[in-house]
């Protein structure tokens, strides 16, 4: 009797479809259905690629190495130094680009805020988002360096 019950359970169980299969089988009466399905397919593929990158152990190790390298470079800087060297500005922008890439990959994989388990539903990710956002605000507010060779003619009319 139990073997018959197991066979019936196997027959009655409906296999869960992947997001791509759900997208392919979706139908509605609204216009541009095929176009919308293709856009959704691209979005799903990007999401799957981002999840594959995010869950890879190399990605996690690379992120930790970037954090350690950034900490090392920050430890090498002199906080009392008034002027910032051009090399340190470039290094800061490289680290900001790496942190931004990490954030974008996580947002593409997890979703931004609305999904369950999305990027901004984790306290650590909120901290990362605030730090990266404040770094971009600092870059936008910093005026460009004045050219020391440019002369200002105050006597010109």
Protein backbone atom coordinates (compact mmCIF):
# COMPACT_ATOMS: atom_id res chain seq x y z
CA UNK A 1 0.00 0.00 0.00
CA UNK A 2 2.83 2.39 0.83
CA UNK A 3 4.49 1.77 -2.52
CA UNK A 4 1.26 2.72 -4.29
CA UNK A 5 1.01 5.87 -2.16
CA UNK A 6 4.61 6.85 -3.05
CA UNK A 7 3.93 6.25 -6.74
CA UNK A 8 0.80 8.41 -6.54
CA UNK A 9 2.73 11.15 -4.73
CA UNK A 10 5.36 11.13 -7.46
CA UNK A 11 2.71 11.41 -10.15
CA UNK A 12 0.79 14.16 -8.38
CA UNK A 13 3.80 16.28 -7.46
CA UNK A 14 4.18 19.19 -9.82
CA UNK A 15 7.74 20.06 -10.67
CA UNK A 16 8.64 23.61 -9.78
CA UNK A 17 9.53 25.64 -12.85
CA UNK A 18 12.60 27.80 -13.05
CA UNK A 19 12.17 31.52 -13.64
CA UNK A 20 13.14 31.07 -17.28
CA UNK A 21 10.48 28.36 -17.73
CA UNK A 22 7.88 30.52 -16.01
CA UNK A 23 8.80 33.39 -18.31
CA UNK A 24 8.56 31.19 -21.41
CA UNK A 25 5.11 29.84 -20.40
CA UNK A 26 3.69 33.22 -19.37
CA UNK A 27 0.74 34.49 -21.39
CA UNK A 28 -1.47 37.56 -21.10
CA UNK A 29 -3.58 39.76 -23.36
CA UNK A 30 -1.51 42.95 -23.12
CA UNK A 31 0.47 44.25 -26.11
CA UNK A 32 4.15 43.51 -26.81
CA UNK A 33 4.11 40.19 -24.96
CA UNK A 34 7.12 38.76 -26.82
CA UNK A 35 9.13 41.96 -26.28
CA UNK A 36 8.34 41.96 -22.55
CA UNK A 37 9.22 38.27 -22.31
CA UNK A 38 12.59 38.89 -23.99
CA UNK A 39 13.34 41.78 -21.61
CA UNK A 40 12.42 39.59 -18.66
CA UNK A 41 14.62 36.80 -20.03
CA UNK A 42 17.60 39.19 -20.19
CA UNK A 43 16.88 40.37 -16.63
CA UNK A 44 16.67 36.78 -15.37
CA UNK A 45 19.93 35.83 -17.10
CA UNK A 46 21.72 38.86 -15.60
CA UNK A 47 20.32 37.94 -12.20
CA UNK A 48 21.49 34.32 -12.55
CA UNK A 49 24.98 35.42 -13.66
CA UNK A 50 25.26 37.83 -10.73
CA UNK A 51 24.19 35.10 -8.29
CA UNK A 52 26.77 32.73 -9.77
CA UNK A 53 29.51 35.34 -9.34
CA UNK A 54 28.31 36.30 -5.87
CA UNK A 55 28.21 32.74 -4.57
CA UNK A 56 31.63 31.88 -5.96
CA UNK A 57 34.28 31.51 -3.26
CA UNK A 58 36.78 33.46 -5.40
CA UNK A 59 34.48 36.50 -5.32
CA UNK A 60 34.30 36.43 -1.54
CA UNK A 61 38.08 35.98 -1.22
CA UNK A 62 38.71 38.79 -3.71
CA UNK A 63 36.44 41.13 -1.71
CA UNK A 64 38.30 40.32 1.49
CA UNK A 65 41.66 40.90 -0.24
CA UNK A 66 40.44 44.30 -1.49
CA UNK A 67 39.38 45.25 2.05
CA UNK A 68 42.76 44.20 3.44
CA UNK A 69 44.66 46.06 0.72
CA UNK A 70 42.57 49.16 1.32
CA UNK A 71 43.22 48.95 5.06
CA UNK A 72 46.95 48.60 4.38
CA UNK A 73 47.03 51.67 2.13
CA UNK A 74 45.04 53.68 4.67
CA UNK A 75 47.52 52.67 7.38
CA UNK A 76 50.40 53.95 5.20
CA UNK A 77 48.93 57.45 4.85
CA UNK A 78 49.93 60.26 7.18
CA UNK A 79 46.79 61.85 8.68
CA UNK A 80 48.66 65.07 9.45
CA UNK A 81 49.70 65.60 5.84
CA UNK A 82 47.84 68.63 4.44
CA UNK A 83 48.07 67.86 0.74
CA UNK A 84 46.98 64.55 -0.73
CA UNK A 85 49.24 63.08 -3.36
CA UNK A 86 47.90 62.33 -6.82
CA UNK A 87 48.84 58.66 -6.41
CA UNK A 88 46.73 58.28 -3.27
CA UNK A 89 43.77 59.92 -5.03
CA UNK A 90 44.05 57.41 -7.87
CA UNK A 91 44.33 54.51 -5.41
CA UNK A 92 41.22 55.75 -3.56
CA UNK A 93 39.27 55.88 -6.83
CA UNK A 94 40.39 52.36 -7.75
CA UNK A 95 39.20 51.02 -4.40
CA UNK A 96 35.93 52.92 -4.79
CA UNK A 97 35.44 51.36 -8.23
CA UNK A 98 36.09 47.86 -6.80
CA UNK A 99 33.66 48.41 -3.92
CA UNK A 100 31.08 49.79 -6.36
CA UNK A 101 31.45 46.74 -8.61
CA UNK A 102 30.90 44.48 -5.60
CA UNK A 103 27.80 46.45 -4.62
CA UNK A 104 26.37 46.35 -8.18
CA UNK A 105 26.91 42.59 -8.47
CA UNK A 106 25.14 42.05 -5.15
CA UNK A 107 22.25 44.33 -6.13
CA UNK A 108 21.85 42.54 -9.47
CA UNK A 109 21.87 39.17 -7.72
CA UNK A 110 19.74 39.93 -4.68
CA UNK A 111 17.55 42.82 -5.77
CA UNK A 112 17.77 46.29 -4.26
CA UNK A 113 15.15 46.62 -1.53
CA UNK A 114 11.76 45.06 -2.32
CA UNK A 115 12.65 41.35 -2.59
CA UNK A 116 12.93 39.15 0.46
CA UNK A 117 16.66 38.87 1.22
CA UNK A 118 17.48 41.86 -0.99
CA UNK A 119 20.63 43.98 -0.74
CA UNK A 120 19.32 46.67 1.61
CA UNK A 121 17.72 44.15 3.97
CA UNK A 122 21.13 43.28 5.43
CA UNK A 123 22.71 45.61 7.97
CA UNK A 124 26.22 45.05 6.55
CA UNK A 125 25.05 45.89 3.05
CA UNK A 126 23.35 49.04 4.33
CA UNK A 127 26.68 50.04 5.89
CA UNK A 128 28.48 49.36 2.59
CA UNK A 129 25.86 51.36 0.67
CA UNK A 130 26.18 54.36 3.00
CA UNK A 131 30.00 54.30 2.85
CA UNK A 132 30.09 54.01 -0.95
CA UNK A 133 27.40 56.67 -1.33
CA UNK A 134 29.24 59.07 0.96
CA UNK A 135 32.46 58.49 -1.00
CA UNK A 136 30.67 59.49 -4.20
CA UNK A 137 29.19 62.54 -2.47
CA UNK A 138 32.68 63.55 -1.38
CA UNK A 139 33.97 63.23 -4.94
CA UNK A 140 31.08 65.31 -6.30
CA UNK A 141 31.55 68.07 -3.71
CA UNK A 142 35.32 68.35 -4.06
CA UNK A 143 36.20 71.19 -6.43
CA UNK A 144 38.74 70.42 -9.16
CA UNK A 145 42.33 71.26 -8.30
CA UNK A 146 43.44 74.66 -9.52
CA UNK A 147 46.11 74.73 -12.19
CA UNK A 148 49.17 76.39 -10.54
CA UNK A 149 50.56 77.46 -13.91
CA UNK A 150 47.43 79.37 -14.87
CA UNK A 151 47.82 83.06 -14.14
CA UNK A 152 44.92 85.30 -13.31
CA UNK A 153 45.13 88.73 -14.83
CA UNK A 154 43.39 91.08 -12.40
CA UNK A 155 44.08 94.18 -14.53
CA UNK A 156 42.17 92.93 -17.57
CA UNK A 157 38.89 94.68 -18.31
